[in-house]
């Protein structure tokens, strides 16, 4: 029973992580909101890092939260 509940939580977290990424890619949320979620929610980092090959995320330093927290995004420009 506990195993099933944990699996459900993991599935829900994965769905939320992908939803946040999609909202950002569709420009329905600002980068700052996406970044706050990415930095503060470990499951989002884990899911996006797990899928980075298919998402074309090239830099492995995004896996290290200490590095991520120190990235200055003030002058970041995003192009689609």
PDB file of N, CA and C in Angstrom:
ATOM      1  N   UNK A   1       0.814  -1.187   0.000  1.00  0.00           N
ATOM      2  CA  UNK A   1       0.000   0.000   0.000  1.00  0.00           C
ATOM      3  C   UNK A   1       0.865   1.262   0.000  1.00  0.00           C
ATOM      4  N   UNK A   2       1.882   1.305   0.861  1.00  0.00           N
ATOM      5  CA  UNK A   2       2.768   2.463   0.926  1.00  0.00           C
ATOM      6  C   UNK A   2       3.521   2.624  -0.388  1.00  0.00           C
ATOM      7  N   UNK A   3       3.936   1.511  -0.976  1.00  0.00           N
ATOM      8  CA  UNK A   3       4.656   1.555  -2.246  1.00  0.00           C
ATOM      9  C   UNK A   3       3.791   2.198  -3.331  1.00  0.00           C
ATOM     10  N   UNK A   4       2.526   1.857  -3.363  1.00  0.00           N
ATOM     11  CA  UNK A   4       1.602   2.434  -4.347  1.00  0.00           C
ATOM     12  C   UNK A   4       1.436   3.929  -4.165  1.00  0.00           C
ATOM     13  N   UNK A   5       1.363   4.372  -2.923  1.00  0.00           N
ATOM     14  CA  UNK A   5       1.230   5.805  -2.642  1.00  0.00           C
ATOM     15  C   UNK A   5       2.484   6.557  -3.064  1.00  0.00           C
ATOM     16  N   UNK A   6       3.641   5.948  -2.830  1.00  0.00           N
ATOM     17  CA  UNK A   6       4.904   6.586  -3.237  1.00  0.00           C
ATOM     18  C   UNK A   6       4.990   6.662  -4.759  1.00  0.00           C
ATOM     19  N   UNK A   7       4.581   5.619  -5.438  1.00  0.00           N
ATOM     20  CA  UNK A   7       4.587   5.628  -6.902  1.00  0.00           C
ATOM     21  C   UNK A   7       3.660   6.713  -7.442  1.00  0.00           C
ATOM     22  N   UNK A   8       2.512   6.883  -6.811  1.00  0.00           N
ATOM     23  CA  UNK A   8       1.567   7.912  -7.233  1.00  0.00           C
ATOM     24  C   UNK A   8       2.173   9.298  -7.048  1.00  0.00           C
ATOM     25  N   UNK A   9       2.835   9.530  -5.910  1.00  0.00           N
ATOM     26  CA  UNK A   9       3.483  10.807  -5.647  1.00  0.00           C
ATOM     27  C   UNK A   9       4.563  11.086  -6.682  1.00  0.00           C
ATOM     28  N   UNK A  10       5.373  10.085  -6.989  1.00  0.00           N
ATOM     29  CA  UNK A  10       6.426  10.251  -7.995  1.00  0.00           C
ATOM     30  C   UNK A  10       5.817  10.590  -9.349  1.00  0.00           C
ATOM     31  N   UNK A  11       4.766   9.905  -9.719  1.00  0.00           N
ATOM     32  CA  UNK A  11       4.090  10.171 -10.997  1.00  0.00           C
ATOM     33  C   UNK A  11       3.540  11.597 -11.033  1.00  0.00           C
ATOM     34  N   UNK A  12       2.920  12.022  -9.933  1.00  0.00           N
ATOM     35  CA  UNK A  12       2.375  13.385  -9.861  1.00  0.00           C
ATOM     36  C   UNK A  12       3.490  14.430  -9.941  1.00  0.00           C
ATOM     37  N   UNK A  13       4.612  14.170  -9.281  1.00  0.00           N
ATOM     38  CA  UNK A  13       5.736  15.103  -9.320  1.00  0.00           C
ATOM     39  C   UNK A  13       6.313  15.193 -10.730  1.00  0.00           C
ATOM     40  N   UNK A  14       6.428  14.051 -11.406  1.00  0.00           N
ATOM     41  CA  UNK A  14       6.938  14.061 -12.783  1.00  0.00           C
ATOM     42  C   UNK A  14       6.014  14.848 -13.694  1.00  0.00           C
ATOM     43  N   UNK A  15       4.729  14.642 -13.545  1.00  0.00           N
ATOM     44  CA  UNK A  15       3.756  15.378 -14.363  1.00  0.00           C
ATOM     45  C   UNK A  15       3.845  16.880 -14.093  1.00  0.00           C
ATOM     46  N   UNK A  16       4.002  17.260 -12.829  1.00  0.00           N
ATOM     47  CA  UNK A  16       4.124  18.675 -12.477  1.00  0.00           C
ATOM     48  C   UNK A  16       5.395  19.276 -13.072  1.00  0.00           C
ATOM     49  N   UNK A  17       6.494  18.541 -13.012  1.00  0.00           N
ATOM     50  CA  UNK A  17       7.758  19.025 -13.567  1.00  0.00           C
ATOM     51  C   UNK A  17       7.633  19.283 -15.063  1.00  0.00           C
ATOM     52  N   UNK A  18       7.039  18.352 -15.775  1.00  0.00           N
ATOM     53  CA  UNK A  18       6.867  18.515 -17.216  1.00  0.00           C
ATOM     54  C   UNK A  18       5.894  19.647 -17.504  1.00  0.00           C
ATOM     55  N   UNK A  19       4.847  19.771 -16.707  1.00  0.00           N
ATOM     56  CA  UNK A  19       3.879  20.849 -16.903  1.00  0.00           C
ATOM     57  C   UNK A  19       4.539  22.217 -16.735  1.00  0.00           C
ATOM     58  N   UNK A  20       5.386  22.359 -15.730  1.00  0.00           N
ATOM     59  CA  UNK A  20       6.078  23.628 -15.511  1.00  0.00           C
ATOM     60  C   UNK A  20       6.994  23.944 -16.687  1.00  0.00           C
ATOM     61  N   UNK A  21       7.704  22.949 -17.176  1.00  0.00           N
ATOM     62  CA  UNK A  21       8.573  23.154 -18.337  1.00  0.00           C
ATOM     63  C   UNK A  21       7.754  23.546 -19.560  1.00  0.00           C
ATOM     64  N   UNK A  22       6.618  22.896 -19.760  1.00  0.00           N
ATOM     65  CA  UNK A  22       5.760  23.215 -20.899  1.00  0.00           C
ATOM     66  C   UNK A  22       5.202  24.634 -20.796  1.00  0.00           C
ATOM     67  N   UNK A  23       4.763  25.011 -19.605  1.00  0.00           N
ATOM     68  CA  UNK A  23       4.246  26.370 -19.417  1.00  0.00           C
ATOM     69  C   UNK A  23       5.306  27.407 -19.768  1.00  0.00           C
ATOM     70  N   UNK A  24       6.535  27.131 -19.355  1.00  0.00           N
ATOM     71  CA  UNK A  24       7.621  28.052 -19.669  1.00  0.00           C
ATOM     72  C   UNK A  24       7.890  28.081 -21.173  1.00  0.00           C
ATOM     73  N   UNK A  25       7.956  26.920 -21.792  1.00  0.00           N
ATOM     74  CA  UNK A  25       8.226  26.854 -23.237  1.00  0.00           C
ATOM     75  C   UNK A  25       7.111  27.496 -24.051  1.00  0.00           C
ATOM     76  N   UNK A  26       5.901  27.418 -23.559  1.00  0.00           N
ATOM     77  CA  UNK A  26       4.762  28.029 -24.247  1.00  0.00           C
ATOM     78  C   UNK A  26       4.594  29.505 -23.872  1.00  0.00           C
ATOM     79  N   UNK A  27       5.526  30.032 -23.078  1.00  0.00           N
ATOM     80  CA  UNK A  27       5.523  31.420 -22.625  1.00  0.00           C
ATOM     81  C   UNK A  27       4.279  31.776 -21.812  1.00  0.00           C
ATOM     82  N   UNK A  28       3.787  30.813 -21.069  1.00  0.00           N
ATOM     83  CA  UNK A  28       2.628  31.050 -20.200  1.00  0.00           C
ATOM     84  C   UNK A  28       3.060  31.423 -18.783  1.00  0.00           C
ATOM     85  N   UNK A  29       4.332  31.197 -18.471  1.00  0.00           N
ATOM     86  CA  UNK A  29       4.911  31.677 -17.212  1.00  0.00           C
ATOM     87  C   UNK A  29       6.247  32.333 -17.547  1.00  0.00           C
ATOM     88  N   UNK A  30       6.653  33.256 -16.725  1.00  0.00           N
ATOM     89  CA  UNK A  30       7.915  33.961 -16.906  1.00  0.00           C
ATOM     90  C   UNK A  30       9.081  33.065 -16.508  1.00  0.00           C
ATOM     91  N   UNK A  31      10.247  33.384 -17.051  1.00  0.00           N
ATOM     92  CA  UNK A  31      11.437  32.621 -16.697  1.00  0.00           C
ATOM     93  C   UNK A  31      11.688  32.652 -15.198  1.00  0.00           C
ATOM     94  N   UNK A  32      11.488  33.820 -14.579  1.00  0.00           N
ATOM     95  CA  UNK A  32      11.753  33.935 -13.136  1.00  0.00           C
ATOM     96  C   UNK A  32      10.894  32.959 -12.331  1.00  0.00           C
ATOM     97  N   UNK A  33       9.652  32.753 -12.749  1.00  0.00           N
ATOM     98  CA  UNK A  33       8.784  31.795 -12.058  1.00  0.00           C
ATOM     99  C   UNK A  33       9.258  30.359 -12.285  1.00  0.00           C
ATOM    100  N   UNK A  34       9.632  30.073 -13.527  1.00  0.00           N
ATOM    101  CA  UNK A  34      10.177  28.741 -13.824  1.00  0.00           C
ATOM    102  C   UNK A  34      11.439  28.502 -13.004  1.00  0.00           C
ATOM    103  N   UNK A  35      12.329  29.507 -12.981  1.00  0.00           N
ATOM    104  CA  UNK A  35      13.610  29.344 -12.289  1.00  0.00           C
ATOM    105  C   UNK A  35      13.414  29.133 -10.794  1.00  0.00           C
ATOM    106  N   UNK A  36      12.486  29.868 -10.193  1.00  0.00           N
ATOM    107  CA  UNK A  36      12.201  29.666  -8.762  1.00  0.00           C
ATOM    108  C   UNK A  36      11.769  28.231  -8.503  1.00  0.00           C
ATOM    109  N   UNK A  37      10.904  27.722  -9.342  1.00  0.00           N
ATOM    110  CA  UNK A  37      10.450  26.336  -9.192  1.00  0.00           C
ATOM    111  C   UNK A  37      11.604  25.374  -9.378  1.00  0.00           C
ATOM    112  N   UNK A  38      12.434  25.624 -10.384  1.00  0.00           N
ATOM    113  CA  UNK A  38      13.566  24.744 -10.681  1.00  0.00           C
ATOM    114  C   UNK A  38      14.544  24.704  -9.510  1.00  0.00           C
ATOM    115  N   UNK A  39      14.844  25.857  -8.947  1.00  0.00           N
ATOM    116  CA  UNK A  39      15.804  25.923  -7.846  1.00  0.00           C
ATOM    117  C   UNK A  39      15.223  25.328  -6.558  1.00  0.00           C
ATOM    118  N   UNK A  40      13.955  25.575  -6.299  1.00  0.00           N
ATOM    119  CA  UNK A  40      13.360  25.189  -5.016  1.00  0.00           C
ATOM    120  C   UNK A  40      12.776  23.785  -4.966  1.00  0.00           C
ATOM    121  N   UNK A  41      12.489  23.190  -6.104  1.00  0.00           N
ATOM    122  CA  UNK A  41      11.837  21.877  -6.128  1.00  0.00           C
ATOM    123  C   UNK A  41      12.770  20.818  -6.710  1.00  0.00           C
ATOM    124  N   UNK A  42      13.328  20.009  -5.842  1.00  0.00           N
ATOM    125  CA  UNK A  42      14.291  19.000  -6.273  1.00  0.00           C
ATOM    126  C   UNK A  42      13.705  18.060  -7.323  1.00  0.00           C
ATOM    127  N   UNK A  43      12.443  17.687  -7.179  1.00  0.00           N
ATOM    128  CA  UNK A  43      11.855  16.741  -8.122  1.00  0.00           C
ATOM    129  C   UNK A  43      11.781  17.316  -9.535  1.00  0.00           C
ATOM    130  N   UNK A  44      11.677  18.639  -9.648  1.00  0.00           N
ATOM    131  CA  UNK A  44      11.672  19.259 -10.976  1.00  0.00           C
ATOM    132  C   UNK A  44      13.057  19.135 -11.602  1.00  0.00           C
ATOM    133  N   UNK A  45      14.081  19.445 -10.838  1.00  0.00           N
ATOM    134  CA  UNK A  45      15.450  19.289 -11.347  1.00  0.00           C
ATOM    135  C   UNK A  45      15.720  17.851 -11.738  1.00  0.00           C
ATOM    136  N   UNK A  46      15.312  16.921 -10.888  1.00  0.00           N
ATOM    137  CA  UNK A  46      15.545  15.509 -11.171  1.00  0.00           C
ATOM    138  C   UNK A  46      14.861  15.071 -12.463  1.00  0.00           C
ATOM    139  N   UNK A  47      13.614  15.459 -12.632  1.00  0.00           N
ATOM    140  CA  UNK A  47      12.867  15.035 -13.823  1.00  0.00           C
ATOM    141  C   UNK A  47      13.442  15.664 -15.087  1.00  0.00           C
ATOM    142  N   UNK A  48      13.730  16.952 -15.051  1.00  0.00           N
ATOM    143  CA  UNK A  48      14.274  17.595 -16.243  1.00  0.00           C
ATOM    144  C   UNK A  48      15.683  17.093 -16.558  1.00  0.00           C
ATOM    145  N   UNK A  49      16.470  16.823 -15.531  1.00  0.00           N
ATOM    146  CA  UNK A  49      17.794  16.241 -15.762  1.00  0.00           C
ATOM    147  C   UNK A  49      17.685  14.822 -16.293  1.00  0.00           C
ATOM    148  N   UNK A  50      16.684  14.091 -15.828  1.00  0.00           N
ATOM    149  CA  UNK A  50      16.461  12.722 -16.308  1.00  0.00           C
ATOM    150  C   UNK A  50      16.108  12.733 -17.791  1.00  0.00           C
ATOM    151  N   UNK A  51      15.420  13.767 -18.213  1.00  0.00           N
ATOM    152  CA  UNK A  51      14.970  13.873 -19.602  1.00  0.00           C
ATOM    153  C   UNK A  51      15.847  14.791 -20.449  1.00  0.00           C
ATOM    154  N   UNK A  52      16.986  15.211 -19.940  1.00  0.00           N
ATOM    155  CA  UNK A  52      17.757  16.238 -20.628  1.00  0.00           C
ATOM    156  C   UNK A  52      18.201  15.832 -22.032  1.00  0.00           C
ATOM    157  N   UNK A  53      18.404  14.576 -22.291  1.00  0.00           N
ATOM    158  CA  UNK A  53      18.799  14.160 -23.637  1.00  0.00           C
ATOM    159  C   UNK A  53      17.699  14.474 -24.646  1.00  0.00           C
ATOM    160  N   UNK A  54      16.470  14.238 -24.261  1.00  0.00           N
ATOM    161  CA  UNK A  54      15.372  14.507 -25.182  1.00  0.00           C
ATOM    162  C   UNK A  54      14.944  15.968 -25.158  1.00  0.00           C
ATOM    163  N   UNK A  55      15.352  16.714 -24.137  1.00  0.00           N
ATOM    164  CA  UNK A  55      15.010  18.136 -24.038  1.00  0.00           C
ATOM    165  C   UNK A  55      16.137  19.031 -24.550  1.00  0.00           C
ATOM    166  N   UNK A  56      17.230  18.447 -24.996  1.00  0.00           N
ATOM    167  CA  UNK A  56      18.383  19.181 -25.503  1.00  0.00           C
ATOM    168  C   UNK A  56      18.993  20.110 -24.457  1.00  0.00           C
ATOM    169  N   UNK A  57      18.983  19.681 -23.207  1.00  0.00           N
ATOM    170  CA  UNK A  57      19.675  20.414 -22.146  1.00  0.00           C
ATOM    171  C   UNK A  57      21.108  19.905 -22.152  1.00  0.00           C
ATOM    172  N   UNK A  58      22.038  20.771 -22.493  1.00  0.00           N
ATOM    173  CA  UNK A  58      23.397  20.328 -22.754  1.00  0.00           C
ATOM    174  C   UNK A  58      24.325  20.386 -21.551  1.00  0.00           C
ATOM    175  N   UNK A  59      24.117  21.300 -20.656  1.00  0.00           N
ATOM    176  CA  UNK A  59      25.073  21.520 -19.586  1.00  0.00           C
ATOM    177  C   UNK A  59      24.763  20.668 -18.354  1.00  0.00           C
ATOM    178  N   UNK A  60      25.693  19.821 -17.991  1.00  0.00           N
ATOM    179  CA  UNK A  60      25.479  18.953 -16.832  1.00  0.00           C
ATOM    180  C   UNK A  60      25.565  19.721 -15.515  1.00  0.00           C
ATOM    181  N   UNK A  61      26.087  20.965 -15.544  1.00  0.00           N
ATOM    182  CA  UNK A  61      26.174  21.708 -14.277  1.00  0.00           C
ATOM    183  C   UNK A  61      24.800  22.051 -13.719  1.00  0.00           C
ATOM    184  N   UNK A  62      23.751  21.912 -14.496  1.00  0.00           N
ATOM    185  CA  UNK A  62      22.410  22.151 -13.977  1.00  0.00           C
ATOM    186  C   UNK A  62      21.999  21.093 -12.964  1.00  0.00           C
ATOM    187  N   UNK A  63      22.771  20.028 -12.856  1.00  0.00           N
ATOM    188  CA  UNK A  63      22.473  18.970 -11.894  1.00  0.00           C
ATOM    189  C   UNK A  63      22.908  19.352 -10.478  1.00  0.00           C
ATOM    190  N   UNK A  64      23.856  20.250 -10.348  1.00  0.00           N
ATOM    191  CA  UNK A  64      24.414  20.610  -9.043  1.00  0.00           C
ATOM    192  C   UNK A  64      23.687  21.841  -8.497  1.00  0.00           C
ATOM    193  N   UNK A  65      22.856  21.641  -7.486  1.00  0.00           N
ATOM    194  CA  UNK A  65      22.009  22.723  -6.965  1.00  0.00           C
ATOM    195  C   UNK A  65      22.842  23.876  -6.420  1.00  0.00           C
ATOM    196  N   UNK A  66      24.022  23.616  -5.882  1.00  0.00           N
ATOM    197  CA  UNK A  66      24.856  24.707  -5.378  1.00  0.00           C
ATOM    198  C   UNK A  66      25.300  25.619  -6.518  1.00  0.00           C
ATOM    199  N   UNK A  67      25.575  25.054  -7.672  1.00  0.00           N
ATOM    200  CA  UNK A  67      25.934  25.855  -8.841  1.00  0.00           C
ATOM    201  C   UNK A  67      24.702  26.586  -9.354  1.00  0.00           C
ATOM    202  N   UNK A  68      23.572  25.885  -9.434  1.00  0.00           N
ATOM    203  CA  UNK A  68      22.326  26.465  -9.943  1.00  0.00           C
ATOM    204  C   UNK A  68      21.924  27.683  -9.128  1.00  0.00           C
ATOM    205  N   UNK A  69      22.024  27.590  -7.820  1.00  0.00           N
ATOM    206  CA  UNK A  69      21.617  28.703  -6.957  1.00  0.00           C
ATOM    207  C   UNK A  69      22.490  29.938  -7.151  1.00  0.00           C
ATOM    208  N   UNK A  70      23.702  29.752  -7.671  1.00  0.00           N
ATOM    209  CA  UNK A  70      24.617  30.876  -7.847  1.00  0.00           C
ATOM    210  C   UNK A  70      24.633  31.431  -9.262  1.00  0.00           C
ATOM    211  N   UNK A  71      23.810  30.893 -10.149  1.00  0.00           N
ATOM    212  CA  UNK A  71      23.745  31.408 -11.510  1.00  0.00           C
ATOM    213  C   UNK A  71      23.013  32.739 -11.499  1.00  0.00           C
ATOM    214  N   UNK A  72      23.638  33.736 -12.065  1.00  0.00           N
ATOM    215  CA  UNK A  72      23.022  35.065 -12.154  1.00  0.00           C
ATOM    216  C   UNK A  72      22.178  35.108 -13.434  1.00  0.00           C
ATOM    217  N   UNK A  73      20.873  35.209 -13.284  1.00  0.00           N
ATOM    218  CA  UNK A  73      19.968  35.206 -14.429  1.00  0.00           C
ATOM    219  C   UNK A  73      19.497  36.602 -14.799  1.00  0.00           C
ATOM    220  N   UNK A  74      20.099  37.641 -14.206  1.00  0.00           N
ATOM    221  CA  UNK A  74      19.653  39.013 -14.450  1.00  0.00           C
ATOM    222  C   UNK A  74      19.750  39.419 -15.923  1.00  0.00           C
ATOM    223  N   UNK A  75      20.823  39.015 -16.573  1.00  0.00           N
ATOM    224  CA  UNK A  75      21.032  39.411 -17.966  1.00  0.00           C
ATOM    225  C   UNK A  75      20.726  38.289 -18.956  1.00  0.00           C
ATOM    226  N   UNK A  76      20.039  37.274 -18.493  1.00  0.00           N
ATOM    227  CA  UNK A  76      19.721  36.130 -19.358  1.00  0.00           C
ATOM    228  C   UNK A  76      18.743  36.521 -20.439  1.00  0.00           C
ATOM    229  N   UNK A  77      19.023  36.094 -21.646  1.00  0.00           N
ATOM    230  CA  UNK A  77      18.106  36.307 -22.770  1.00  0.00           C
ATOM    231  C   UNK A  77      17.718  34.952 -23.320  1.00  0.00           C
ATOM    232  N   UNK A  78      16.450  34.775 -23.591  1.00  0.00           N
ATOM    233  CA  UNK A  78      15.950  33.494 -24.082  1.00  0.00           C
ATOM    234  C   UNK A  78      15.442  33.689 -25.501  1.00  0.00           C
ATOM    235  N   UNK A  79      15.897  32.810 -26.377  1.00  0.00           N
ATOM    236  CA  UNK A  79      15.454  32.857 -27.762  1.00  0.00           C
ATOM    237  C   UNK A  79      14.791  31.539 -28.100  1.00  0.00           C
ATOM    238  N   UNK A  80      13.732  31.614 -28.867  1.00  0.00           N
ATOM    239  CA  UNK A  80      13.074  30.370 -29.268  1.00  0.00           C
ATOM    240  C   UNK A  80      13.399  30.056 -30.699  1.00  0.00           C
TER     241      UNK A  80
END
